[in-house]
Amino acid sequence: MFSMATHVVIPARYASSRLPGKPLALINGLPMIVHVAALASNSIADDVVVAVDDTRVLDAVLSAGYKGLMTRVDHPSGSDRVMQIADEMGWDGDDIVINIQGDEPLLPPSIVNDLFAAMLTSSDVEMATLSEPITNSRDFLDANVVKVVVGDGRRAINFSRAPIPYPRQAMHDEKLLSSFLQSGVARRHIGIYAFRVSGLRTFVNLGESNLERIEKLEQLRWIEAGKNLLVLDVNQAVPGGVDTPEDLARVQKEFVNG
């Protein structure tokens, strides 16, 4: 069996419309990006690189003892930023790289390891991601909660911000809807991606697709191109990331109480 290296890249954009300077937001006295780099370093990855677009973030990462590299500021997505790192580092096409967002300071490292394990044992898989059940109607109807429909072989059929699969008979019956949501069919997509480097290159070269443009979900380009996307079930609950000041306050409280 051939050997392949495992990598984590953490794209960290300084600019954020809802939380400016997000990577440097302090949590328990440390910048958020440092917390994410620490949890990634507790995975089985051979190396962890933070992909930054601002020298202030780079300084914070390097000062904490982690690896950081500057990337272009005009990348359209985190995947493009990860691809730049893979190219600059000279990673092999068979290597595995996981893209962890820089605003996930509560992500369990075991989740990252599960993705690595799936890629290491399935040489035909180019791209994989994660999901967990949606068990309440609030999340099912929330456009900010991305849903995924999974078919045979744990392959993604579709992603949407809309409630999918749409339970036509249950939508206006609270009891039926509750029963549907306990079935495990409705699933929340967790936006962490594992790629073979060659698959990541294909993904980036595909460019924005029609469905991606409509839903603002980049993973739809892979589905629209007829590619297989493996969806793993998480083995524990995954706390939400930090997008707003309210999210930041929630996470800060978690660290204090934890």
Protein backbone atom coordinates (compact mmCIF):
# COMPACT_ATOMS: atom_id res chain seq x y z
CA MET A 1 0.00 0.00 0.00
CA PHE A 2 1.36 3.41 -0.93
CA SER A 3 2.09 5.97 1.74
CA MET A 4 0.42 9.33 1.80
CA ALA A 5 0.80 12.33 4.06
CA THR A 6 -2.04 13.95 5.99
CA HIS A 7 -2.42 17.70 6.30
CA VAL A 8 -4.76 20.23 7.87
CA VAL A 9 -5.07 23.72 6.41
CA ILE A 10 -6.99 26.39 8.31
CA PRO A 11 -8.08 29.30 6.09
CA ALA A 12 -8.34 32.44 8.20
CA ARG A 13 -9.67 35.64 6.63
CA TYR A 14 -9.21 38.78 8.69
CA ALA A 15 -12.17 40.61 7.19
CA SER A 16 -15.64 39.59 8.34
CA SER A 17 -18.75 41.67 7.81
CA ARG A 18 -20.44 40.37 10.97
CA LEU A 19 -17.36 40.10 13.19
CA PRO A 20 -14.39 42.21 12.00
CA GLY A 21 -10.98 40.80 12.84
CA LYS A 22 -12.59 37.46 13.74
CA PRO A 23 -9.41 35.30 13.81
CA LEU A 24 -7.95 37.55 16.51
CA ALA A 25 -11.06 37.62 18.71
CA LEU A 26 -9.94 36.63 22.21
CA ILE A 27 -11.26 33.46 23.81
CA ASN A 28 -9.93 32.69 27.27
CA GLY A 29 -7.05 35.10 26.62
CA LEU A 30 -5.94 33.63 23.28
CA PRO A 31 -6.88 34.57 19.70
CA MET A 32 -9.54 32.26 18.26
CA ILE A 33 -7.24 31.15 15.42
CA VAL A 34 -4.73 29.87 17.99
CA HIS A 35 -7.42 27.71 19.59
CA VAL A 36 -8.29 26.22 16.19
CA ALA A 37 -4.64 25.56 15.37
CA ALA A 38 -4.25 23.83 18.74
CA LEU A 39 -7.20 21.49 18.23
CA ALA A 40 -6.03 20.65 14.70
CA SER A 41 -2.59 19.85 16.08
CA ASN A 42 -4.23 17.31 18.39
CA SER A 43 -5.44 15.34 15.38
CA ILE A 44 -3.39 12.70 13.54
CA ALA A 45 -2.38 15.20 10.84
CA ASP A 46 1.28 15.14 9.86
CA ASP A 47 1.25 18.92 9.71
CA VAL A 48 -1.04 21.90 10.29
CA VAL A 49 -0.82 25.15 8.34
CA VAL A 50 -2.86 28.31 8.93
CA ALA A 51 -3.52 30.10 5.63
CA VAL A 52 -3.78 33.83 6.40
CA ASP A 53 -4.31 37.02 4.45
CA ASP A 54 -3.22 39.53 7.09
CA THR A 55 0.12 39.94 8.85
CA ARG A 56 -1.57 40.49 12.21
CA VAL A 57 -3.08 37.02 12.05
CA LEU A 58 0.21 35.56 10.83
CA ASP A 59 2.04 37.14 13.79
CA ALA A 60 -0.47 35.65 16.25
CA VAL A 61 -0.12 32.18 14.73
CA LEU A 62 3.69 32.23 14.63
CA SER A 63 3.95 33.69 18.14
CA ALA A 64 1.91 30.74 19.46
CA GLY A 65 4.31 28.29 17.82
CA TYR A 66 2.17 27.18 14.88
CA LYS A 67 2.89 27.24 11.15
CA GLY A 68 1.30 30.04 9.13
CA LEU A 69 1.65 31.16 5.53
CA MET A 70 0.43 34.26 3.75
CA THR A 71 -1.99 33.71 0.87
CA ARG A 72 -3.51 36.01 -1.70
CA VAL A 73 -6.27 38.30 -0.51
CA ASP A 74 -8.39 37.83 -3.63
CA HIS A 75 -9.19 34.12 -3.30
CA PRO A 76 -12.93 33.52 -3.90
CA SER A 77 -13.13 30.75 -1.28
CA GLY A 78 -11.28 28.93 1.46
CA SER A 79 -10.75 26.00 -0.91
CA ASP A 80 -8.73 28.22 -3.25
CA ARG A 81 -6.66 29.35 -0.28
CA VAL A 82 -6.02 25.71 0.69
CA MET A 83 -5.00 24.91 -2.90
CA GLN A 84 -2.41 27.70 -2.84
CA ILE A 85 -0.89 26.19 0.31
CA ALA A 86 -0.84 22.69 -1.23
CA ASP A 87 0.94 24.05 -4.31
CA GLU A 88 3.49 26.06 -2.34
CA MET A 89 4.21 23.14 -0.03
CA GLY A 90 4.57 20.75 -2.96
CA TRP A 91 2.15 18.18 -1.57
CA ASP A 92 1.61 14.98 -3.57
CA GLY A 93 -1.65 14.46 -5.43
CA ASP A 94 -2.45 11.41 -3.26
CA ASP A 95 -1.93 13.31 0.00
CA ILE A 96 -4.99 14.06 2.09
CA VAL A 97 -5.80 17.59 3.19
CA ILE A 98 -8.61 18.65 5.50
CA ASN A 99 -9.96 22.18 5.38
CA ILE A 100 -10.97 23.35 8.86
CA GLN A 101 -12.52 26.79 9.11
CA GLY A 102 -10.70 29.21 11.37
CA ASP A 103 -13.87 29.93 13.35
CA GLU A 104 -14.38 26.44 14.83
CA PRO A 105 -12.63 26.65 18.23
CA LEU A 106 -14.84 23.93 19.77
CA LEU A 107 -14.42 21.32 17.05
CA PRO A 108 -13.50 17.90 18.55
CA PRO A 109 -10.20 16.59 17.10
CA SER A 110 -11.75 13.11 16.91
CA ILE A 111 -14.03 14.38 14.15
CA VAL A 112 -10.98 15.36 12.10
CA ASN A 113 -9.45 11.94 12.72
CA ASP A 114 -12.62 10.23 11.50
CA LEU A 115 -12.35 12.09 8.21
CA PHE A 116 -8.70 11.16 7.85
CA ALA A 117 -9.52 7.52 8.58
CA ALA A 118 -12.24 7.41 5.94
CA MET A 119 -9.93 8.86 3.32
CA LEU A 120 -7.03 6.59 4.27
CA THR A 121 -9.17 3.46 3.96
CA SER A 122 -11.02 4.45 0.77
CA SER A 123 -8.50 5.18 -1.95
CA ASP A 124 -11.25 5.96 -4.50
CA VAL A 125 -12.72 8.83 -2.44
CA GLU A 126 -11.64 12.29 -3.62
CA MET A 127 -13.79 14.39 -1.27
CA ALA A 128 -15.55 13.79 2.04
CA THR A 129 -17.45 15.83 4.59
CA LEU A 130 -19.59 15.45 7.73
CA SER A 131 -23.19 15.58 8.87
CA GLU A 132 -25.30 15.11 11.98
CA PRO A 133 -29.06 14.65 12.51
CA ILE A 134 -31.41 17.62 12.72
CA THR A 135 -33.88 16.92 15.50
CA ASN A 136 -35.85 20.16 15.85
CA SER A 137 -37.99 22.15 13.46
CA ARG A 138 -36.20 25.43 14.22
CA ASP A 139 -32.97 24.18 12.69
CA PHE A 140 -34.77 22.34 9.90
CA LEU A 141 -36.44 25.56 8.76
CA ASP A 142 -33.45 27.85 9.36
CA ALA A 143 -31.78 28.92 6.08
CA ASN A 144 -28.49 29.36 7.95
CA VAL A 145 -28.46 25.64 8.76
CA VAL A 146 -27.31 23.83 5.61
CA LYS A 147 -29.01 20.49 4.97
CA VAL A 148 -27.65 17.47 3.14
CA VAL A 149 -29.53 14.51 1.69
CA VAL A 150 -27.48 11.31 1.78
CA GLY A 151 -28.08 8.29 -0.45
CA ASP A 152 -26.66 4.79 -0.80
CA GLY A 153 -23.01 4.36 0.04
CA ARG A 154 -23.16 7.52 2.18
CA ARG A 155 -22.91 9.64 -0.97
CA ALA A 156 -24.34 13.17 -0.97
CA ILE A 157 -27.36 13.64 -3.23
CA ASN A 158 -28.00 17.32 -2.57
CA PHE A 159 -27.24 20.26 -0.29
CA SER A 160 -29.57 23.17 0.35
CA ARG A 161 -30.45 25.94 2.74
CA ALA A 162 -34.08 24.92 2.26
CA PRO A 163 -35.65 22.13 4.35
CA ILE A 164 -34.71 18.95 2.48
CA PRO A 165 -35.87 16.28 2.07
CA TYR A 166 -39.20 18.08 2.16
CA PRO A 167 -41.74 16.08 4.20
CA ARG A 168 -44.82 17.23 2.32
CA GLN A 169 -47.43 15.61 4.56
CA ALA A 170 -45.68 16.55 7.79
CA MET A 171 -44.81 20.19 7.22
CA HIS A 172 -48.11 21.50 8.60
CA ASP A 173 -48.58 18.87 11.28
CA GLU A 174 -46.40 19.39 14.33
CA LYS A 175 -46.69 15.79 15.51
CA LEU A 176 -45.83 14.32 12.10
CA LEU A 177 -42.95 16.77 11.65
CA SER A 178 -41.54 15.83 15.05
CA SER A 179 -41.74 12.16 14.13
CA PHE A 180 -39.99 12.83 10.83
CA LEU A 181 -37.19 14.73 12.56
CA GLN A 182 -36.59 11.83 14.94
CA SER A 183 -35.99 9.48 11.99
CA GLY A 184 -32.49 10.81 11.27
CA VAL A 185 -33.24 11.51 7.61
CA ALA A 186 -32.94 15.28 7.99
CA ARG A 187 -29.26 16.11 8.43
CA ARG A 188 -27.18 19.21 9.08
CA HIS A 189 -24.08 19.60 6.96
CA ILE A 190 -20.93 20.33 8.93
CA GLY A 191 -18.71 22.39 6.67
CA ILE A 192 -15.39 20.60 7.09
CA TYR A 193 -13.94 19.02 3.95
CA ALA A 194 -11.35 16.34 3.30
CA PHE A 195 -9.77 16.11 -0.15
CA ARG A 196 -7.09 14.22 -1.91
CA VAL A 197 -4.89 17.02 -3.19
CA SER A 198 -5.65 15.92 -6.76
CA GLY A 199 -9.37 16.10 -5.99
CA LEU A 200 -8.98 19.56 -4.47
CA ARG A 201 -7.31 20.71 -7.67
CA THR A 202 -10.24 19.37 -9.69
CA PHE A 203 -12.68 21.07 -7.30
CA VAL A 204 -10.99 24.46 -7.63
CA ASN A 205 -10.64 24.18 -11.41
CA LEU A 206 -14.36 23.45 -11.80
CA GLY A 207 -15.12 27.03 -10.80
CA GLU A 208 -18.46 28.29 -9.54
CA SER A 209 -21.46 26.26 -10.74
CA ASN A 210 -25.03 27.41 -11.32
CA LEU A 211 -26.44 25.79 -8.18
CA GLU A 212 -23.50 27.03 -6.14
CA ARG A 213 -24.18 30.57 -7.34
CA ILE A 214 -27.86 30.31 -6.36
CA GLU A 215 -27.46 28.71 -2.92
CA LYS A 216 -24.02 30.15 -2.06
CA LEU A 217 -22.80 26.65 -1.18
CA GLU A 218 -19.52 25.75 -2.87
CA GLN A 219 -19.90 21.98 -2.35
CA LEU A 220 -22.74 22.01 -4.89
CA ARG A 221 -20.22 22.39 -7.73
CA TRP A 222 -18.97 18.86 -6.96
CA ILE A 223 -22.49 17.39 -7.01
CA GLU A 224 -23.41 19.32 -10.15
CA ALA A 225 -20.31 17.93 -11.87
CA GLY A 226 -21.51 14.39 -11.14
CA LYS A 227 -18.79 13.67 -8.57
CA ASN A 228 -19.13 11.43 -5.51
CA LEU A 229 -18.97 13.17 -2.15
CA LEU A 230 -18.72 10.90 0.89
CA VAL A 231 -20.72 12.07 3.92
CA LEU A 232 -19.72 10.67 7.32
CA ASP A 233 -21.89 10.68 10.41
CA VAL A 234 -20.20 12.40 13.35
CA ASN A 235 -19.75 10.36 16.52
CA GLN A 236 -20.47 13.29 18.81
CA ALA A 237 -22.25 16.62 18.66
CA VAL A 238 -20.36 19.39 16.89
CA PRO A 239 -20.83 22.87 18.41
CA GLY A 240 -21.50 25.68 15.97
CA GLY A 241 -18.74 27.99 14.79
CA VAL A 242 -18.33 31.72 15.36
CA ASP A 243 -19.98 34.04 12.84
CA THR A 244 -21.44 36.80 15.02
CA PRO A 245 -20.68 38.63 18.27
CA GLU A 246 -23.40 36.48 19.86
CA ASP A 247 -21.62 33.32 18.73
CA LEU A 248 -18.38 34.64 20.18
CA ALA A 249 -20.02 35.31 23.54
CA ARG A 250 -21.44 31.76 23.55
CA VAL A 251 -18.05 30.22 22.83
CA GLN A 252 -16.28 32.41 25.39
CA LYS A 253 -18.79 31.19 27.98
CA GLU A 254 -18.14 27.56 26.95
CA PHE A 255 -14.42 27.96 27.61
CA VAL A 256 -15.00 29.58 30.99
CA ASN A 257 -17.51 26.92 32.08
CA GLY A 258 -15.59 24.06 30.46
